[in-house]
């Protein structure tokens, strides 16, 4: 058993491994597989196989820099939706009570309370002050 583990470790050395985009592709494949239980559609089945193949390709790829760029682009596109995907109840509660502003200088997201009118906010990262309507 230890010999097999060593062989797998040797094979994966220098490879990308599991990343956020590959895991998202696998999660989407699982969701589509559950949908396909009821729909029984060949197109969905082929899409599931393609998503799994893409995730495996990303895991065993040796072009780590290119996979990292793709993963960063995916994370930047997913950025604002991430709280709604990971914990929708908390995101809804947060959206009711707070507004998210972006610092014009360093682009740090700052959470400000809603319903306070025009307020002056100090960025915690770069200490620049800017006005926002909450």
N, C-alpha and C. Protein backbone atom coordinates (compact mmCIF):
# COMPACT_ATOMS: atom_id res chain seq x y z
N UNK A 1 0.82 -1.19 0.00
CA UNK A 1 0.00 0.00 0.00
C UNK A 1 0.86 1.26 0.00
N UNK A 2 1.94 1.23 0.77
CA UNK A 2 2.83 2.38 0.82
C UNK A 2 3.52 2.58 -0.52
N UNK A 3 3.80 1.47 -1.23
CA UNK A 3 4.43 1.56 -2.54
C UNK A 3 3.52 2.28 -3.53
N UNK A 4 2.22 1.96 -3.51
CA UNK A 4 1.26 2.63 -4.39
C UNK A 4 1.17 4.12 -4.06
N UNK A 5 1.16 4.43 -2.77
CA UNK A 5 1.10 5.83 -2.34
C UNK A 5 2.32 6.60 -2.84
N UNK A 6 3.49 5.99 -2.75
CA UNK A 6 4.71 6.64 -3.24
C UNK A 6 4.66 6.85 -4.75
N UNK A 7 4.11 5.88 -5.48
CA UNK A 7 4.00 6.03 -6.93
C UNK A 7 3.05 7.16 -7.31
N UNK A 8 1.95 7.27 -6.58
CA UNK A 8 1.00 8.37 -6.84
C UNK A 8 1.65 9.71 -6.52
N UNK A 9 2.38 9.78 -5.40
CA UNK A 9 3.07 11.02 -5.04
C UNK A 9 4.10 11.40 -6.10
N UNK A 10 4.84 10.42 -6.60
CA UNK A 10 5.82 10.69 -7.65
C UNK A 10 5.14 11.17 -8.93
N UNK A 11 4.00 10.57 -9.27
CA UNK A 11 3.27 10.97 -10.47
C UNK A 11 2.76 12.40 -10.35
N UNK A 12 2.26 12.77 -9.17
CA UNK A 12 1.65 14.10 -9.00
C UNK A 12 2.67 15.20 -8.72
N UNK A 13 3.93 14.84 -8.52
CA UNK A 13 4.95 15.85 -8.24
C UNK A 13 5.13 16.76 -9.46
N UNK A 14 5.02 18.07 -9.25
CA UNK A 14 5.17 19.04 -10.33
C UNK A 14 3.89 19.27 -11.11
N UNK A 15 2.81 18.68 -10.66
CA UNK A 15 1.52 18.85 -11.34
C UNK A 15 0.65 19.82 -10.55
N UNK A 16 -0.44 20.25 -11.20
CA UNK A 16 -1.28 21.29 -10.62
C UNK A 16 -2.05 20.82 -9.39
N UNK A 17 -2.64 19.65 -9.44
CA UNK A 17 -3.46 19.18 -8.33
C UNK A 17 -4.84 19.81 -8.37
N UNK A 18 -5.61 19.58 -7.33
CA UNK A 18 -6.98 20.11 -7.28
C UNK A 18 -6.94 21.60 -6.95
N UNK A 19 -7.66 22.38 -7.73
CA UNK A 19 -7.78 23.81 -7.47
C UNK A 19 -9.26 24.19 -7.50
N UNK A 20 -9.53 25.46 -7.28
CA UNK A 20 -10.91 25.93 -7.15
C UNK A 20 -11.73 25.70 -8.42
N UNK A 21 -11.14 25.94 -9.57
CA UNK A 21 -11.87 25.75 -10.83
C UNK A 21 -12.15 24.28 -11.10
N UNK A 22 -11.19 23.41 -10.83
CA UNK A 22 -11.40 21.99 -11.01
C UNK A 22 -12.46 21.44 -10.07
N UNK A 23 -12.44 21.90 -8.84
CA UNK A 23 -13.45 21.46 -7.87
C UNK A 23 -14.82 21.96 -8.27
N UNK A 24 -14.90 23.21 -8.77
CA UNK A 24 -16.19 23.75 -9.23
C UNK A 24 -16.71 22.94 -10.42
N UNK A 25 -15.82 22.51 -11.31
CA UNK A 25 -16.25 21.69 -12.44
C UNK A 25 -16.80 20.35 -11.96
N UNK A 26 -16.15 19.75 -10.97
CA UNK A 26 -16.64 18.49 -10.42
C UNK A 26 -17.98 18.67 -9.70
N UNK A 27 -18.12 19.77 -8.95
CA UNK A 27 -19.39 20.03 -8.26
C UNK A 27 -20.51 20.23 -9.27
N UNK A 28 -20.24 20.95 -10.35
CA UNK A 28 -21.25 21.13 -11.39
C UNK A 28 -21.60 19.80 -12.05
N UNK A 29 -20.60 18.94 -12.23
CA UNK A 29 -20.86 17.61 -12.81
C UNK A 29 -21.76 16.79 -11.90
N UNK A 30 -21.55 16.87 -10.59
CA UNK A 30 -22.39 16.13 -9.65
C UNK A 30 -23.82 16.66 -9.69
N UNK A 31 -23.98 17.98 -9.72
CA UNK A 31 -25.32 18.58 -9.79
C UNK A 31 -26.02 18.15 -11.07
N UNK A 32 -25.29 18.18 -12.19
CA UNK A 32 -25.88 17.75 -13.46
C UNK A 32 -26.21 16.26 -13.45
N UNK A 33 -25.40 15.46 -12.76
CA UNK A 33 -25.69 14.03 -12.67
C UNK A 33 -26.99 13.79 -11.90
N UNK A 34 -27.21 14.56 -10.85
CA UNK A 34 -28.46 14.43 -10.10
C UNK A 34 -29.64 14.86 -10.97
N UNK A 35 -29.47 15.95 -11.72
CA UNK A 35 -30.53 16.39 -12.63
C UNK A 35 -30.77 15.35 -13.71
N UNK A 36 -29.70 14.73 -14.18
CA UNK A 36 -29.82 13.76 -15.27
C UNK A 36 -30.49 12.46 -14.83
N UNK A 37 -30.53 12.21 -13.53
CA UNK A 37 -31.26 11.03 -13.05
C UNK A 37 -32.73 11.16 -13.44
N UNK A 38 -33.25 12.38 -13.34
CA UNK A 38 -34.66 12.60 -13.67
C UNK A 38 -34.87 12.94 -15.14
N UNK A 39 -33.93 13.68 -15.74
CA UNK A 39 -34.08 14.11 -17.13
C UNK A 39 -33.70 13.02 -18.12
N UNK A 40 -32.67 12.23 -17.80
CA UNK A 40 -32.18 11.17 -18.66
C UNK A 40 -31.90 11.68 -20.08
N UNK A 41 -31.04 12.69 -20.15
CA UNK A 41 -30.73 13.36 -21.40
C UNK A 41 -29.29 13.03 -21.79
N UNK A 42 -29.07 12.66 -23.04
CA UNK A 42 -27.74 12.31 -23.53
C UNK A 42 -26.81 13.52 -23.55
N UNK A 43 -27.33 14.68 -23.88
CA UNK A 43 -26.51 15.89 -23.93
C UNK A 43 -25.97 16.22 -22.54
N UNK A 44 -26.81 16.10 -21.52
CA UNK A 44 -26.36 16.35 -20.15
C UNK A 44 -25.30 15.32 -19.76
N UNK A 45 -25.50 14.08 -20.16
CA UNK A 45 -24.54 13.02 -19.85
C UNK A 45 -23.18 13.33 -20.47
N UNK A 46 -23.16 13.75 -21.71
CA UNK A 46 -21.90 14.10 -22.38
C UNK A 46 -21.26 15.30 -21.69
N UNK A 47 -22.07 16.28 -21.29
CA UNK A 47 -21.55 17.45 -20.57
C UNK A 47 -20.92 17.04 -19.24
N UNK A 48 -21.53 16.09 -18.55
CA UNK A 48 -20.98 15.58 -17.29
C UNK A 48 -19.61 14.96 -17.54
N UNK A 49 -19.50 14.13 -18.58
CA UNK A 49 -18.22 13.50 -18.90
C UNK A 49 -17.16 14.53 -19.26
N UNK A 50 -17.55 15.55 -20.01
CA UNK A 50 -16.60 16.61 -20.38
C UNK A 50 -16.12 17.38 -19.16
N UNK A 51 -17.03 17.68 -18.23
CA UNK A 51 -16.64 18.39 -17.01
C UNK A 51 -15.68 17.56 -16.16
N UNK A 52 -15.94 16.28 -16.05
CA UNK A 52 -15.05 15.41 -15.28
C UNK A 52 -13.69 15.31 -15.96
N UNK A 53 -13.68 15.17 -17.28
CA UNK A 53 -12.41 15.11 -18.02
C UNK A 53 -11.63 16.41 -17.87
N UNK A 54 -12.34 17.55 -17.89
CA UNK A 54 -11.68 18.84 -17.72
C UNK A 54 -11.07 18.96 -16.32
N UNK A 55 -11.79 18.51 -15.30
CA UNK A 55 -11.28 18.57 -13.94
C UNK A 55 -10.04 17.69 -13.78
N UNK A 56 -10.08 16.48 -14.35
CA UNK A 56 -8.93 15.59 -14.27
C UNK A 56 -7.75 16.18 -15.04
N UNK A 57 -8.02 16.76 -16.22
CA UNK A 57 -6.97 17.41 -17.00
C UNK A 57 -6.30 18.50 -16.18
N UNK A 58 -7.09 19.31 -15.48
CA UNK A 58 -6.53 20.39 -14.67
C UNK A 58 -5.67 19.82 -13.54
N UNK A 59 -6.09 18.71 -12.95
CA UNK A 59 -5.35 18.14 -11.82
C UNK A 59 -4.01 17.56 -12.24
N UNK A 60 -3.93 16.95 -13.42
CA UNK A 60 -2.68 16.30 -13.82
C UNK A 60 -1.83 17.18 -14.74
N UNK A 61 -2.27 18.39 -15.00
CA UNK A 61 -1.53 19.28 -15.89
C UNK A 61 -0.21 19.72 -15.25
N UNK A 62 0.84 19.74 -16.05
CA UNK A 62 2.13 20.22 -15.57
C UNK A 62 2.35 21.70 -15.85
N UNK A 63 1.45 22.31 -16.62
CA UNK A 63 1.56 23.74 -16.91
C UNK A 63 0.87 24.52 -15.78
N UNK A 64 1.57 24.58 -14.65
CA UNK A 64 0.99 25.14 -13.43
C UNK A 64 0.69 26.63 -13.60
N UNK A 65 1.55 27.37 -14.28
CA UNK A 65 1.33 28.81 -14.43
C UNK A 65 0.06 29.11 -15.21
N UNK A 66 -0.16 28.39 -16.29
CA UNK A 66 -1.38 28.62 -17.09
C UNK A 66 -2.62 28.24 -16.29
N UNK A 67 -2.57 27.11 -15.56
CA UNK A 67 -3.72 26.70 -14.74
C UNK A 67 -3.97 27.72 -13.62
N UNK A 68 -2.90 28.30 -13.07
CA UNK A 68 -3.06 29.30 -12.02
C UNK A 68 -3.72 30.56 -12.57
N UNK A 69 -3.33 30.98 -13.77
CA UNK A 69 -3.96 32.14 -14.40
C UNK A 69 -5.44 31.89 -14.66
N UNK A 70 -5.77 30.69 -15.14
CA UNK A 70 -7.17 30.35 -15.38
C UNK A 70 -7.96 30.35 -14.07
N UNK A 71 -7.35 29.82 -13.02
CA UNK A 71 -8.03 29.77 -11.72
C UNK A 71 -8.23 31.17 -11.15
N UNK A 72 -7.24 32.05 -11.34
CA UNK A 72 -7.38 33.43 -10.86
C UNK A 72 -8.46 34.17 -11.64
N UNK A 73 -8.54 33.94 -12.94
CA UNK A 73 -9.60 34.57 -13.74
C UNK A 73 -10.97 34.08 -13.29
N UNK A 74 -11.08 32.78 -13.00
CA UNK A 74 -12.33 32.22 -12.51
C UNK A 74 -12.70 32.83 -11.16
N UNK A 75 -11.72 32.95 -10.27
CA UNK A 75 -11.99 33.52 -8.94
C UNK A 75 -12.40 34.98 -9.03
N UNK A 76 -11.81 35.73 -9.97
CA UNK A 76 -12.18 37.14 -10.09
C UNK A 76 -13.58 37.29 -10.66
N UNK A 77 -13.97 36.39 -11.57
CA UNK A 77 -15.34 36.44 -12.11
C UNK A 77 -16.36 36.00 -11.06
N UNK A 78 -15.97 35.05 -10.22
CA UNK A 78 -16.87 34.52 -9.21
C UNK A 78 -16.93 35.42 -7.98
N UNK A 79 -15.96 36.30 -7.80
CA UNK A 79 -15.80 37.11 -6.60
C UNK A 79 -17.05 37.63 -5.94
N UNK A 80 -17.86 38.47 -6.61
CA UNK A 80 -19.04 39.02 -5.94
C UNK A 80 -20.10 37.98 -5.61
N UNK A 81 -20.15 36.88 -6.34
CA UNK A 81 -21.18 35.86 -6.11
C UNK A 81 -20.77 34.83 -5.07
N UNK A 82 -19.51 34.82 -4.67
CA UNK A 82 -19.01 33.78 -3.77
C UNK A 82 -19.79 33.70 -2.45
N UNK A 83 -20.08 34.80 -1.74
CA UNK A 83 -20.85 34.66 -0.50
C UNK A 83 -22.25 34.08 -0.73
N UNK A 84 -22.85 34.39 -1.86
CA UNK A 84 -24.19 33.88 -2.15
C UNK A 84 -24.15 32.39 -2.45
N UNK A 85 -23.02 31.89 -2.93
CA UNK A 85 -22.90 30.46 -3.23
C UNK A 85 -22.55 29.67 -1.97
N UNK A 86 -21.61 30.18 -1.18
CA UNK A 86 -21.15 29.43 -0.02
C UNK A 86 -22.14 29.44 1.13
N UNK A 87 -22.76 30.60 1.42
CA UNK A 87 -23.70 30.69 2.53
C UNK A 87 -24.79 31.71 2.19
N UNK A 88 -25.82 31.30 1.46
CA UNK A 88 -26.84 32.25 1.00
C UNK A 88 -27.60 32.94 2.13
N UNK A 89 -27.86 32.25 3.24
CA UNK A 89 -28.61 32.87 4.33
C UNK A 89 -27.83 34.02 4.96
N UNK A 90 -26.54 33.81 5.20
CA UNK A 90 -25.71 34.87 5.78
C UNK A 90 -25.53 36.01 4.79
N UNK A 91 -25.41 35.69 3.51
CA UNK A 91 -25.26 36.74 2.50
C UNK A 91 -26.51 37.60 2.42
N UNK A 92 -27.68 36.99 2.53
CA UNK A 92 -28.93 37.74 2.50
C UNK A 92 -29.04 38.64 3.72
N UNK A 93 -28.71 38.12 4.89
CA UNK A 93 -28.74 38.94 6.11
C UNK A 93 -27.75 40.09 6.00
N UNK A 94 -26.58 39.82 5.47
CA UNK A 94 -25.55 40.83 5.30
C UNK A 94 -25.99 41.90 4.30
N UNK A 95 -26.67 41.49 3.24
CA UNK A 95 -27.12 42.44 2.21
C UNK A 95 -28.20 43.36 2.75
N UNK A 96 -28.98 42.90 3.72
CA UNK A 96 -30.03 43.74 4.29
C UNK A 96 -29.46 44.82 5.20
N UNK A 97 -28.39 44.52 5.91
CA UNK A 97 -27.89 45.45 6.92
C UNK A 97 -26.64 46.22 6.50
N UNK A 98 -25.91 45.73 5.51
CA UNK A 98 -24.67 46.39 5.11
C UNK A 98 -24.61 46.59 3.60
N UNK A 99 -23.85 47.61 3.21
CA UNK A 99 -23.56 47.86 1.81
C UNK A 99 -22.05 47.71 1.64
N UNK A 100 -21.64 47.18 0.52
CA UNK A 100 -20.21 47.00 0.27
C UNK A 100 -19.74 48.07 -0.70
N UNK A 101 -18.77 48.85 -0.26
CA UNK A 101 -18.18 49.90 -1.09
C UNK A 101 -16.77 49.47 -1.47
N UNK A 102 -16.28 50.01 -2.56
CA UNK A 102 -14.93 49.71 -3.02
C UNK A 102 -14.08 50.97 -2.92
N UNK A 103 -12.91 50.84 -2.33
CA UNK A 103 -12.00 51.98 -2.20
C UNK A 103 -11.52 52.38 -3.60
N UNK A 104 -11.61 53.66 -3.94
CA UNK A 104 -11.16 54.09 -5.27
C UNK A 104 -9.65 54.01 -5.44
N UNK A 105 -8.91 53.96 -4.35
CA UNK A 105 -7.46 53.96 -4.44
C UNK A 105 -6.89 52.54 -4.57
N UNK A 106 -7.26 51.65 -3.64
CA UNK A 106 -6.65 50.31 -3.63
C UNK A 106 -7.64 49.20 -3.96
N UNK A 107 -8.91 49.53 -4.19
CA UNK A 107 -9.96 48.59 -4.58
C UNK A 107 -10.29 47.57 -3.50
N UNK A 108 -9.99 47.91 -2.25
CA UNK A 108 -10.39 47.07 -1.12
C UNK A 108 -11.89 47.21 -0.91
N UNK A 109 -12.58 46.10 -0.67
CA UNK A 109 -14.02 46.16 -0.37
C UNK A 109 -14.21 46.48 1.10
N UNK A 110 -15.06 47.48 1.37
CA UNK A 110 -15.31 47.95 2.72
C UNK A 110 -16.79 47.79 3.01
N UNK A 111 -17.13 47.23 4.16
CA UNK A 111 -18.52 47.04 4.55
C UNK A 111 -18.97 48.23 5.38
N UNK A 112 -20.07 48.89 4.95
CA UNK A 112 -20.60 50.05 5.66
C UNK A 112 -22.07 49.79 5.99
N UNK A 113 -22.56 50.31 7.13
CA UNK A 113 -23.96 50.07 7.49
C UNK A 113 -24.91 50.80 6.55
N UNK A 114 -26.04 50.16 6.26
CA UNK A 114 -27.05 50.78 5.40
C UNK A 114 -27.86 51.80 6.19
N UNK A 115 -28.44 52.76 5.46
CA UNK A 115 -29.39 53.70 6.04
C UNK A 115 -28.78 54.84 6.82
N UNK A 116 -27.53 55.16 6.64
CA UNK A 116 -26.88 56.25 7.36
C UNK A 116 -26.73 57.51 6.51
N UNK A 117 -27.19 57.47 5.26
CA UNK A 117 -27.07 58.64 4.38
C UNK A 117 -25.66 58.75 3.83
N UNK A 118 -25.23 59.99 3.56
CA UNK A 118 -23.87 60.22 3.06
C UNK A 118 -22.90 60.13 4.22
N UNK A 119 -21.93 59.24 4.10
CA UNK A 119 -20.93 59.08 5.16
C UNK A 119 -19.54 59.09 4.54
N UNK A 120 -18.57 59.41 5.38
CA UNK A 120 -17.16 59.41 4.98
C UNK A 120 -16.54 58.12 5.53
N UNK A 121 -15.95 57.34 4.63
CA UNK A 121 -15.39 56.04 4.99
C UNK A 121 -13.88 56.11 4.87
N UNK A 122 -13.18 55.50 5.82
CA UNK A 122 -11.73 55.40 5.76
C UNK A 122 -11.37 53.96 5.40
N UNK A 123 -10.61 53.80 4.35
CA UNK A 123 -10.20 52.47 3.90
C UNK A 123 -9.24 51.88 4.94
N UNK A 124 -9.49 50.64 5.39
CA UNK A 124 -8.61 50.04 6.39
C UNK A 124 -7.24 49.66 5.83
N UNK A 125 -7.13 49.52 4.53
CA UNK A 125 -5.86 49.11 3.93
C UNK A 125 -4.95 50.30 3.65
N UNK A 126 -5.47 51.30 2.90
CA UNK A 126 -4.61 52.41 2.48
C UNK A 126 -4.89 53.71 3.23
N UNK A 127 -5.90 53.72 4.10
CA UNK A 127 -6.26 54.87 4.95
C UNK A 127 -6.78 56.07 4.17
N UNK A 128 -7.17 55.88 2.92
CA UNK A 128 -7.74 56.99 2.15
C UNK A 128 -9.20 57.17 2.55
N UNK A 129 -9.63 58.42 2.65
CA UNK A 129 -11.02 58.72 2.99
C UNK A 129 -11.79 58.99 1.71
N UNK A 130 -13.03 58.45 1.65
CA UNK A 130 -13.90 58.71 0.50
C UNK A 130 -15.34 58.72 0.98
N UNK A 131 -16.18 59.43 0.23
CA UNK A 131 -17.59 59.58 0.58
C UNK A 131 -18.42 58.54 -0.15
N UNK A 132 -19.47 58.08 0.53
CA UNK A 132 -20.37 57.11 -0.07
C UNK A 132 -21.76 57.31 0.51
N UNK A 133 -22.76 56.97 -0.28
CA UNK A 133 -24.15 57.01 0.20
C UNK A 133 -24.53 55.60 0.62
N UNK A 134 -24.90 55.47 1.89
CA UNK A 134 -25.24 54.12 2.37
C UNK A 134 -26.74 53.94 2.42
